[in-house]
ModelCIF file with pLDDT and N, C-alpha, C, O atoms, coordinates in Angstrom:
data_MODEL
#
_entry.id   MODEL 
#
_entity.id                         1 
_entity.type                       polymer 
_entity.pdbx_number_of_molecules   1 
#
_entity_poly.entity_id                      1 
_entity_poly.type                           'polypeptide(L)' 
_entity_poly.nstd_linkage                   no 
_entity_poly.nstd_monomer                   no 
_entity_poly.pdbx_seq_one_letter_code       NRKVYKQQPNSNIFFLVDRTETLSQCKNTLDELKKAHQEMEN 
_entity_poly.pdbx_seq_one_letter_code_can   NRKVYKQQPNSNIFFLVDRTETLSQCKNTLDELKKAHQEMEN 
_entity_poly.pdbx_strand_id                 A 
#
loop_
_entity_poly_seq.entity_id 
_entity_poly_seq.num 
_entity_poly_seq.mon_id 
_entity_poly_seq.hetero 
1 1  ASN n 
1 2  ARG n 
1 3  LYS n 
1 4  VAL n 
1 5  TYR n 
1 6  LYS n 
1 7  GLN n 
1 8  GLN n 
1 9  PRO n 
1 10 ASN n 
1 11 SER n 
1 12 ASN n 
1 13 ILE n 
1 14 PHE n 
1 15 PHE n 
1 16 LEU n 
1 17 VAL n 
1 18 ASP n 
1 19 ARG n 
1 20 THR n 
1 21 GLU n 
1 22 THR n 
1 23 LEU n 
1 24 SER n 
1 25 GLN n 
1 26 CYS n 
1 27 LYS n 
1 28 ASN n 
1 29 THR n 
1 30 LEU n 
1 31 ASP n 
1 32 GLU n 
1 33 LEU n 
1 34 LYS n 
1 35 LYS n 
1 36 ALA n 
1 37 HIS n 
1 38 GLN n 
1 39 GLU n 
1 40 MET n 
1 41 GLU n 
1 42 ASN n 
#
_struct_asym.id          A 
_struct_asym.entity_id   1 
#
loop_
_ma_qa_metric.id 
_ma_qa_metric.mode 
_ma_qa_metric.name 
_ma_qa_metric.software_group_id 
_ma_qa_metric.type 
1 global pLDDT . pLDDT 
2 local  pLDDT . pLDDT 
#
_ma_qa_metric_global.metric_id      1 
_ma_qa_metric_global.metric_value   94.95 
_ma_qa_metric_global.model_id       1 
_ma_qa_metric_global.ordinal_id     1 
#
loop_
_ma_qa_metric_local.label_asym_id 
_ma_qa_metric_local.label_comp_id 
_ma_qa_metric_local.label_seq_id 
_ma_qa_metric_local.metric_id 
_ma_qa_metric_local.metric_value 
_ma_qa_metric_local.model_id 
_ma_qa_metric_local.ordinal_id 
A ASN 1  2 92.00 1 1  
A ARG 2  2 95.00 1 2  
A LYS 3  2 96.00 1 3  
A VAL 4  2 96.00 1 4  
A TYR 5  2 96.00 1 5  
A LYS 6  2 95.00 1 6  
A GLN 7  2 95.00 1 7  
A GLN 8  2 94.00 1 8  
A PRO 9  2 92.00 1 9  
A ASN 10 2 94.00 1 10 
A SER 11 2 95.00 1 11 
A ASN 12 2 95.00 1 12 
A ILE 13 2 97.00 1 13 
A PHE 14 2 97.00 1 14 
A PHE 15 2 97.00 1 15 
A LEU 16 2 97.00 1 16 
A VAL 17 2 97.00 1 17 
A ASP 18 2 96.00 1 18 
A ARG 19 2 96.00 1 19 
A THR 20 2 95.00 1 20 
A GLU 21 2 96.00 1 21 
A THR 22 2 96.00 1 22 
A LEU 23 2 97.00 1 23 
A SER 24 2 97.00 1 24 
A GLN 25 2 97.00 1 25 
A CYS 26 2 97.00 1 26 
A LYS 27 2 97.00 1 27 
A ASN 28 2 97.00 1 28 
A THR 29 2 97.00 1 29 
A LEU 30 2 97.00 1 30 
A ASP 31 2 97.00 1 31 
A GLU 32 2 97.00 1 32 
A LEU 33 2 96.00 1 33 
A LYS 34 2 96.00 1 34 
A LYS 35 2 96.00 1 35 
A ALA 36 2 94.00 1 36 
A HIS 37 2 93.00 1 37 
A GLN 38 2 93.00 1 38 
A GLU 39 2 91.00 1 39 
A MET 40 2 87.00 1 40 
A GLU 41 2 86.00 1 41 
A ASN 42 2 87.00 1 42 
#
loop_
_atom_site.group_PDB 
_atom_site.id 
_atom_site.type_symbol 
_atom_site.label_atom_id 
_atom_site.label_alt_id 
_atom_site.label_comp_id 
_atom_site.label_asym_id 
_atom_site.label_entity_id 
_atom_site.label_seq_id 
_atom_site.pdbx_PDB_ins_code 
_atom_site.Cartn_x 
_atom_site.Cartn_y 
_atom_site.Cartn_z 
_atom_site.occupancy 
_atom_site.B_iso_or_equiv 
_atom_site.pdbx_formal_charge 
_atom_site.auth_seq_id 
_atom_site.auth_comp_id 
_atom_site.auth_asym_id 
_atom_site.auth_atom_id 
_atom_site.pdbx_PDB_model_num 
ATOM 1   N N  . ASN A 1 1  ? 14.570  1.291   13.367 1.00 92.00 ? 1  ASN A N  1 
ATOM 2   C CA . ASN A 1 1  ? 15.572  -0.144  12.725 1.00 92.00 ? 1  ASN A CA 1 
ATOM 3   C C  . ASN A 1 1  ? 14.503  -1.194  13.173 1.00 92.00 ? 1  ASN A C  1 
ATOM 4   O O  . ASN A 1 1  ? 14.974  -2.322  13.032 1.00 92.00 ? 1  ASN A O  1 
ATOM 5   N N  . ARG A 1 2  ? 13.467  -1.211  13.572 1.00 95.00 ? 2  ARG A N  1 
ATOM 6   C CA . ARG A 1 2  ? 12.791  -2.504  14.480 1.00 95.00 ? 2  ARG A CA 1 
ATOM 7   C C  . ARG A 1 2  ? 11.897  -2.937  13.088 1.00 95.00 ? 2  ARG A C  1 
ATOM 8   O O  . ARG A 1 2  ? 11.261  -2.192  12.342 1.00 95.00 ? 2  ARG A O  1 
ATOM 9   N N  . LYS A 1 3  ? 12.070  -4.310  13.019 1.00 96.00 ? 3  LYS A N  1 
ATOM 10  C CA . LYS A 1 3  ? 11.029  -4.941  12.295 1.00 96.00 ? 3  LYS A CA 1 
ATOM 11  C C  . LYS A 1 3  ? 9.501   -5.305  12.711 1.00 96.00 ? 3  LYS A C  1 
ATOM 12  O O  . LYS A 1 3  ? 9.203   -5.363  13.904 1.00 96.00 ? 3  LYS A O  1 
ATOM 13  N N  . VAL A 1 4  ? 8.717   -5.504  11.881 1.00 96.00 ? 4  VAL A N  1 
ATOM 14  C CA . VAL A 1 4  ? 6.910   -5.479  12.153 1.00 96.00 ? 4  VAL A CA 1 
ATOM 15  C C  . VAL A 1 4  ? 6.668   -6.922  11.313 1.00 96.00 ? 4  VAL A C  1 
ATOM 16  O O  . VAL A 1 4  ? 7.076   -7.239  10.195 1.00 96.00 ? 4  VAL A O  1 
ATOM 17  N N  . TYR A 1 5  ? 5.934   -7.595  12.178 1.00 96.00 ? 5  TYR A N  1 
ATOM 18  C CA . TYR A 1 5  ? 5.712   -8.812  11.369 1.00 96.00 ? 5  TYR A CA 1 
ATOM 19  C C  . TYR A 1 5  ? 4.428   -8.906  11.715 1.00 96.00 ? 5  TYR A C  1 
ATOM 20  O O  . TYR A 1 5  ? 4.043   -8.792  12.879 1.00 96.00 ? 5  TYR A O  1 
ATOM 21  N N  . LYS A 1 6  ? 3.489   -9.174  10.476 1.00 95.00 ? 6  LYS A N  1 
ATOM 22  C CA . LYS A 1 6  ? 2.108   -9.280  10.762 1.00 95.00 ? 6  LYS A CA 1 
ATOM 23  C C  . LYS A 1 6  ? 1.439   -10.661 10.635 1.00 95.00 ? 6  LYS A C  1 
ATOM 24  O O  . LYS A 1 6  ? 1.675   -11.234 9.571  1.00 95.00 ? 6  LYS A O  1 
ATOM 25  N N  . GLN A 1 7  ? 0.591   -11.352 11.578 1.00 95.00 ? 7  GLN A N  1 
ATOM 26  C CA . GLN A 1 7  ? 0.143   -12.697 11.193 1.00 95.00 ? 7  GLN A CA 1 
ATOM 27  C C  . GLN A 1 7  ? -0.877  -12.645 10.403 1.00 95.00 ? 7  GLN A C  1 
ATOM 28  O O  . GLN A 1 7  ? -1.750  -11.784 10.297 1.00 95.00 ? 7  GLN A O  1 
ATOM 29  N N  . GLN A 1 8  ? -0.621  -14.177 9.540  1.00 94.00 ? 8  GLN A N  1 
ATOM 30  C CA . GLN A 1 8  ? -2.042  -14.162 8.331  1.00 94.00 ? 8  GLN A CA 1 
ATOM 31  C C  . GLN A 1 8  ? -2.820  -14.602 9.485  1.00 94.00 ? 8  GLN A C  1 
ATOM 32  O O  . GLN A 1 8  ? -2.402  -14.999 10.573 1.00 94.00 ? 8  GLN A O  1 
ATOM 33  N N  . PRO A 1 9  ? -4.563  -14.409 8.886  1.00 92.00 ? 9  PRO A N  1 
ATOM 34  C CA . PRO A 1 9  ? -5.438  -14.897 9.784  1.00 92.00 ? 9  PRO A CA 1 
ATOM 35  C C  . PRO A 1 9  ? -5.690  -16.394 9.854  1.00 92.00 ? 9  PRO A C  1 
ATOM 36  O O  . PRO A 1 9  ? -5.653  -17.150 8.883  1.00 92.00 ? 9  PRO A O  1 
ATOM 37  N N  . ASN A 1 10 ? -5.896  -16.667 10.849 1.00 94.00 ? 10 ASN A N  1 
ATOM 38  C CA . ASN A 1 10 ? -6.200  -18.232 11.061 1.00 94.00 ? 10 ASN A CA 1 
ATOM 39  C C  . ASN A 1 10 ? -4.983  -19.274 10.989 1.00 94.00 ? 10 ASN A C  1 
ATOM 40  O O  . ASN A 1 10 ? -5.083  -20.477 10.748 1.00 94.00 ? 10 ASN A O  1 
ATOM 41  N N  . SER A 1 11 ? -3.809  -18.547 11.251 1.00 95.00 ? 11 SER A N  1 
ATOM 42  C CA . SER A 1 11 ? -2.827  -19.372 10.977 1.00 95.00 ? 11 SER A CA 1 
ATOM 43  C C  . SER A 1 11 ? -1.670  -19.032 11.686 1.00 95.00 ? 11 SER A C  1 
ATOM 44  O O  . SER A 1 11 ? -1.928  -17.945 12.203 1.00 95.00 ? 11 SER A O  1 
ATOM 45  N N  . ASN A 1 12 ? -0.282  -19.445 12.062 1.00 95.00 ? 12 ASN A N  1 
ATOM 46  C CA . ASN A 1 12 ? 0.671   -19.385 12.691 1.00 95.00 ? 12 ASN A CA 1 
ATOM 47  C C  . ASN A 1 12 ? 1.972   -18.532 11.693 1.00 95.00 ? 12 ASN A C  1 
ATOM 48  O O  . ASN A 1 12 ? 3.119   -18.420 12.125 1.00 95.00 ? 12 ASN A O  1 
ATOM 49  N N  . ILE A 1 13 ? 1.545   -17.997 10.352 1.00 97.00 ? 13 ILE A N  1 
ATOM 50  C CA . ILE A 1 13 ? 2.444   -17.572 9.619  1.00 97.00 ? 13 ILE A CA 1 
ATOM 51  C C  . ILE A 1 13 ? 2.641   -16.376 9.976  1.00 97.00 ? 13 ILE A C  1 
ATOM 52  O O  . ILE A 1 13 ? 1.616   -15.937 10.495 1.00 97.00 ? 13 ILE A O  1 
ATOM 53  N N  . PHE A 1 14 ? 3.651   -15.463 9.945  1.00 97.00 ? 14 PHE A N  1 
ATOM 54  C CA . PHE A 1 14 ? 3.928   -14.284 9.935  1.00 97.00 ? 14 PHE A CA 1 
ATOM 55  C C  . PHE A 1 14 ? 4.844   -13.524 8.830  1.00 97.00 ? 14 PHE A C  1 
ATOM 56  O O  . PHE A 1 14 ? 5.978   -13.910 8.544  1.00 97.00 ? 14 PHE A O  1 
ATOM 57  N N  . PHE A 1 15 ? 4.268   -12.494 8.295  1.00 97.00 ? 15 PHE A N  1 
ATOM 58  C CA . PHE A 1 15 ? 5.190   -11.895 7.177  1.00 97.00 ? 15 PHE A CA 1 
ATOM 59  C C  . PHE A 1 15 ? 5.616   -10.626 7.556  1.00 97.00 ? 15 PHE A C  1 
ATOM 60  O O  . PHE A 1 15 ? 4.863   -10.009 8.310  1.00 97.00 ? 15 PHE A O  1 
ATOM 61  N N  . LEU A 1 16 ? 6.905   -9.966  7.120  1.00 97.00 ? 16 LEU A N  1 
ATOM 62  C CA . LEU A 1 16 ? 7.416   -8.884  7.487  1.00 97.00 ? 16 LEU A CA 1 
ATOM 63  C C  . LEU A 1 16 ? 6.966   -8.027  6.809  1.00 97.00 ? 16 LEU A C  1 
ATOM 64  O O  . LEU A 1 16 ? 6.992   -8.163  5.586  1.00 97.00 ? 16 LEU A O  1 
ATOM 65  N N  . VAL A 1 17 ? 6.256   -6.547  7.574  1.00 97.00 ? 17 VAL A N  1 
ATOM 66  C CA . VAL A 1 17 ? 5.594   -5.792  7.064  1.00 97.00 ? 17 VAL A CA 1 
ATOM 67  C C  . VAL A 1 17 ? 6.212   -4.214  6.705  1.00 97.00 ? 17 VAL A C  1 
ATOM 68  O O  . VAL A 1 17 ? 6.989   -3.948  7.622  1.00 97.00 ? 17 VAL A O  1 
ATOM 69  N N  . ASP A 1 18 ? 6.180   -3.489  6.081  1.00 96.00 ? 18 ASP A N  1 
ATOM 70  C CA . ASP A 1 18 ? 6.708   -2.124  6.681  1.00 96.00 ? 18 ASP A CA 1 
ATOM 71  C C  . ASP A 1 18 ? 5.906   -1.216  7.457  1.00 96.00 ? 18 ASP A C  1 
ATOM 72  O O  . ASP A 1 18 ? 4.826   -0.659  7.260  1.00 96.00 ? 18 ASP A O  1 
ATOM 73  N N  . ARG A 1 19 ? 6.890   -1.229  8.561  1.00 96.00 ? 19 ARG A N  1 
ATOM 74  C CA . ARG A 1 19 ? 6.290   -0.393  9.849  1.00 96.00 ? 19 ARG A CA 1 
ATOM 75  C C  . ARG A 1 19 ? 5.779   0.622   9.618  1.00 96.00 ? 19 ARG A C  1 
ATOM 76  O O  . ARG A 1 19 ? 4.861   0.787   10.422 1.00 96.00 ? 19 ARG A O  1 
ATOM 77  N N  . THR A 1 20 ? 5.910   1.831   8.598  1.00 95.00 ? 20 THR A N  1 
ATOM 78  C CA . THR A 1 20 ? 4.741   3.010   8.907  1.00 95.00 ? 20 THR A CA 1 
ATOM 79  C C  . THR A 1 20 ? 3.616   2.952   7.872  1.00 95.00 ? 20 THR A C  1 
ATOM 80  O O  . THR A 1 20 ? 2.757   3.819   7.715  1.00 95.00 ? 20 THR A O  1 
ATOM 81  N N  . GLU A 1 21 ? 3.740   1.808   7.185  1.00 96.00 ? 21 GLU A N  1 
ATOM 82  C CA . GLU A 1 21 ? 2.459   1.537   6.351  1.00 96.00 ? 21 GLU A CA 1 
ATOM 83  C C  . GLU A 1 21 ? 2.038   1.054   7.347  1.00 96.00 ? 21 GLU A C  1 
ATOM 84  O O  . GLU A 1 21 ? 1.094   1.667   7.846  1.00 96.00 ? 21 GLU A O  1 
ATOM 85  N N  . THR A 1 22 ? 2.464   -0.077  7.994  1.00 96.00 ? 22 THR A N  1 
ATOM 86  C CA . THR A 1 22 ? 1.325   -0.541  8.750  1.00 96.00 ? 22 THR A CA 1 
ATOM 87  C C  . THR A 1 22 ? 0.731   0.567   9.965  1.00 96.00 ? 22 THR A C  1 
ATOM 88  O O  . THR A 1 22 ? -0.455  0.509   10.289 1.00 96.00 ? 22 THR A O  1 
ATOM 89  N N  . LEU A 1 23 ? 1.527   1.422   10.504 1.00 97.00 ? 23 LEU A N  1 
ATOM 90  C CA . LEU A 1 23 ? 0.903   2.316   11.468 1.00 97.00 ? 23 LEU A CA 1 
ATOM 91  C C  . LEU A 1 23 ? -0.218  3.151   11.103 1.00 97.00 ? 23 LEU A C  1 
ATOM 92  O O  . LEU A 1 23 ? -1.089  3.525   11.888 1.00 97.00 ? 23 LEU A O  1 
ATOM 93  N N  . SER A 1 24 ? -0.125  3.531   9.381  1.00 97.00 ? 24 SER A N  1 
ATOM 94  C CA . SER A 1 24 ? -0.533  4.120   8.897  1.00 97.00 ? 24 SER A CA 1 
ATOM 95  C C  . SER A 1 24 ? -2.309  3.427   8.593  1.00 97.00 ? 24 SER A C  1 
ATOM 96  O O  . SER A 1 24 ? -3.358  4.040   8.397  1.00 97.00 ? 24 SER A O  1 
ATOM 97  N N  . GLN A 1 25 ? -2.071  2.155   8.655  1.00 97.00 ? 25 GLN A N  1 
ATOM 98  C CA . GLN A 1 25 ? -3.444  1.131   8.348  1.00 97.00 ? 25 GLN A CA 1 
ATOM 99  C C  . GLN A 1 25 ? -3.951  1.149   9.680  1.00 97.00 ? 25 GLN A C  1 
ATOM 100 O O  . GLN A 1 25 ? -5.038  1.716   9.787  1.00 97.00 ? 25 GLN A O  1 
ATOM 101 N N  . CYS A 1 26 ? -3.501  0.723   10.632 1.00 97.00 ? 26 CYS A N  1 
ATOM 102 C CA . CYS A 1 26 ? -3.961  1.082   12.049 1.00 97.00 ? 26 CYS A CA 1 
ATOM 103 C C  . CYS A 1 26 ? -4.412  2.258   12.492 1.00 97.00 ? 26 CYS A C  1 
ATOM 104 O O  . CYS A 1 26 ? -5.485  2.308   13.091 1.00 97.00 ? 26 CYS A O  1 
ATOM 105 N N  . LYS A 1 27 ? -3.798  3.172   12.304 1.00 97.00 ? 27 LYS A N  1 
ATOM 106 C CA . LYS A 1 27 ? -4.454  4.293   12.556 1.00 97.00 ? 27 LYS A CA 1 
ATOM 107 C C  . LYS A 1 27 ? -5.698  4.837   11.773 1.00 97.00 ? 27 LYS A C  1 
ATOM 108 O O  . LYS A 1 27 ? -6.395  5.744   12.227 1.00 97.00 ? 27 LYS A O  1 
ATOM 109 N N  . ASN A 1 28 ? -5.972  4.130   10.376 1.00 97.00 ? 28 ASN A N  1 
ATOM 110 C CA . ASN A 1 28 ? -7.209  4.294   9.661  1.00 97.00 ? 28 ASN A CA 1 
ATOM 111 C C  . ASN A 1 28 ? -8.395  3.727   10.210 1.00 97.00 ? 28 ASN A C  1 
ATOM 112 O O  . ASN A 1 28 ? -9.579  4.061   10.255 1.00 97.00 ? 28 ASN A O  1 
ATOM 113 N N  . THR A 1 29 ? -7.465  2.416   10.760 1.00 97.00 ? 29 THR A N  1 
ATOM 114 C CA . THR A 1 29 ? -8.615  1.239   11.343 1.00 97.00 ? 29 THR A CA 1 
ATOM 115 C C  . THR A 1 29 ? -9.446  1.948   12.335 1.00 97.00 ? 29 THR A C  1 
ATOM 116 O O  . THR A 1 29 ? -10.669 1.964   12.471 1.00 97.00 ? 29 THR A O  1 
ATOM 117 N N  . LEU A 1 30 ? -8.247  2.693   13.181 1.00 97.00 ? 30 LEU A N  1 
ATOM 118 C CA . LEU A 1 30 ? -8.619  3.310   14.822 1.00 97.00 ? 30 LEU A CA 1 
ATOM 119 C C  . LEU A 1 30 ? -9.910  4.243   14.751 1.00 97.00 ? 30 LEU A C  1 
ATOM 120 O O  . LEU A 1 30 ? -10.890 4.278   15.496 1.00 97.00 ? 30 LEU A O  1 
ATOM 121 N N  . ASP A 1 31 ? -9.535  5.131   13.397 1.00 97.00 ? 31 ASP A N  1 
ATOM 122 C CA . ASP A 1 31 ? -10.398 6.384   12.952 1.00 97.00 ? 31 ASP A CA 1 
ATOM 123 C C  . ASP A 1 31 ? -12.049 5.780   12.734 1.00 97.00 ? 31 ASP A C  1 
ATOM 124 O O  . ASP A 1 31 ? -13.076 6.145   13.304 1.00 97.00 ? 31 ASP A O  1 
ATOM 125 N N  . GLU A 1 32 ? -11.862 4.791   11.753 1.00 97.00 ? 32 GLU A N  1 
ATOM 126 C CA . GLU A 1 32 ? -13.079 4.065   11.061 1.00 97.00 ? 32 GLU A CA 1 
ATOM 127 C C  . GLU A 1 32 ? -13.691 3.602   12.341 1.00 97.00 ? 32 GLU A C  1 
ATOM 128 O O  . GLU A 1 32 ? -14.891 3.877   12.363 1.00 97.00 ? 32 GLU A O  1 
ATOM 129 N N  . LEU A 1 33 ? -13.189 2.872   13.624 1.00 96.00 ? 33 LEU A N  1 
ATOM 130 C CA . LEU A 1 33 ? -13.555 2.279   14.661 1.00 96.00 ? 33 LEU A CA 1 
ATOM 131 C C  . LEU A 1 33 ? -14.309 3.661   15.260 1.00 96.00 ? 33 LEU A C  1 
ATOM 132 O O  . LEU A 1 33 ? -15.523 3.826   15.144 1.00 96.00 ? 33 LEU A O  1 
ATOM 133 N N  . LYS A 1 34 ? -13.697 4.325   15.709 1.00 96.00 ? 34 LYS A N  1 
ATOM 134 C CA . LYS A 1 34 ? -14.195 5.559   16.533 1.00 96.00 ? 34 LYS A CA 1 
ATOM 135 C C  . LYS A 1 34 ? -15.397 6.163   16.177 1.00 96.00 ? 34 LYS A C  1 
ATOM 136 O O  . LYS A 1 34 ? -16.233 6.650   16.938 1.00 96.00 ? 34 LYS A O  1 
ATOM 137 N N  . LYS A 1 35 ? -15.434 6.058   14.308 1.00 96.00 ? 35 LYS A N  1 
ATOM 138 C CA . LYS A 1 35 ? -16.593 6.793   13.853 1.00 96.00 ? 35 LYS A CA 1 
ATOM 139 C C  . LYS A 1 35 ? -17.858 5.953   14.069 1.00 96.00 ? 35 LYS A C  1 
ATOM 140 O O  . LYS A 1 35 ? -18.989 6.421   14.197 1.00 96.00 ? 35 LYS A O  1 
ATOM 141 N N  . ALA A 1 36 ? -17.545 4.722   14.093 1.00 94.00 ? 36 ALA A N  1 
ATOM 142 C CA . ALA A 1 36 ? -18.668 3.896   14.085 1.00 94.00 ? 36 ALA A CA 1 
ATOM 143 C C  . ALA A 1 36 ? -19.244 4.196   15.374 1.00 94.00 ? 36 ALA A C  1 
ATOM 144 O O  . ALA A 1 36 ? -20.437 4.454   15.528 1.00 94.00 ? 36 ALA A O  1 
ATOM 145 N N  . HIS A 1 37 ? -18.341 4.157   16.345 1.00 93.00 ? 37 HIS A N  1 
ATOM 146 C CA . HIS A 1 37 ? -18.854 4.364   17.856 1.00 93.00 ? 37 HIS A CA 1 
ATOM 147 C C  . HIS A 1 37 ? -19.668 5.623   18.239 1.00 93.00 ? 37 HIS A C  1 
ATOM 148 O O  . HIS A 1 37 ? -20.664 5.770   18.947 1.00 93.00 ? 37 HIS A O  1 
ATOM 149 N N  . GLN A 1 38 ? -18.923 6.456   17.547 1.00 93.00 ? 38 GLN A N  1 
ATOM 150 C CA . GLN A 1 38 ? -19.656 8.384   17.489 1.00 93.00 ? 38 GLN A CA 1 
ATOM 151 C C  . GLN A 1 38 ? -21.191 7.697   16.936 1.00 93.00 ? 38 GLN A C  1 
ATOM 152 O O  . GLN A 1 38 ? -22.203 7.618   17.632 1.00 93.00 ? 38 GLN A O  1 
ATOM 153 N N  . GLU A 1 39 ? -21.055 7.233   15.495 1.00 91.00 ? 39 GLU A N  1 
ATOM 154 C CA . GLU A 1 39 ? -22.937 6.926   15.057 1.00 91.00 ? 39 GLU A CA 1 
ATOM 155 C C  . GLU A 1 39 ? -23.248 6.232   15.602 1.00 91.00 ? 39 GLU A C  1 
ATOM 156 O O  . GLU A 1 39 ? -24.443 6.143   15.322 1.00 91.00 ? 39 GLU A O  1 
ATOM 157 N N  . MET A 1 40 ? -22.990 5.442   16.409 1.00 87.00 ? 40 MET A N  1 
ATOM 158 C CA . MET A 1 40 ? -23.699 4.654   17.229 1.00 87.00 ? 40 MET A CA 1 
ATOM 159 C C  . MET A 1 40 ? -24.152 5.809   18.193 1.00 87.00 ? 40 MET A C  1 
ATOM 160 O O  . MET A 1 40 ? -25.212 6.405   18.006 1.00 87.00 ? 40 MET A O  1 
ATOM 161 N N  . GLU A 1 41 ? -23.408 6.062   19.104 1.00 86.00 ? 41 GLU A N  1 
ATOM 162 C CA . GLU A 1 41 ? -23.656 7.312   20.194 1.00 86.00 ? 41 GLU A CA 1 
ATOM 163 C C  . GLU A 1 41 ? -25.049 8.281   19.629 1.00 86.00 ? 41 GLU A C  1 
ATOM 164 O O  . GLU A 1 41 ? -26.100 8.721   20.095 1.00 86.00 ? 41 GLU A O  1 
ATOM 165 N N  . ASN A 1 42 ? -24.393 8.280   18.486 1.00 87.00 ? 42 ASN A N  1 
ATOM 166 C CA . ASN A 1 42 ? -25.254 9.491   17.944 1.00 87.00 ? 42 ASN A CA 1 
ATOM 167 C C  . ASN A 1 42 ? -26.765 9.216   17.824 1.00 87.00 ? 42 ASN A C  1 
ATOM 168 O O  . ASN A 1 42 ? -27.522 10.096  17.412 1.00 87.00 ? 42 ASN A O  1 
#
């Protein structure tokens, strides 16, 4: 039941976002970062 807010880039404005959607986006971003790191290692 907790609310999640996301800050707009380069501003102090926050918008209410869906927690599960944001979690999914963050996981995808983490996977992309890990993939880029692994490619660099390889």
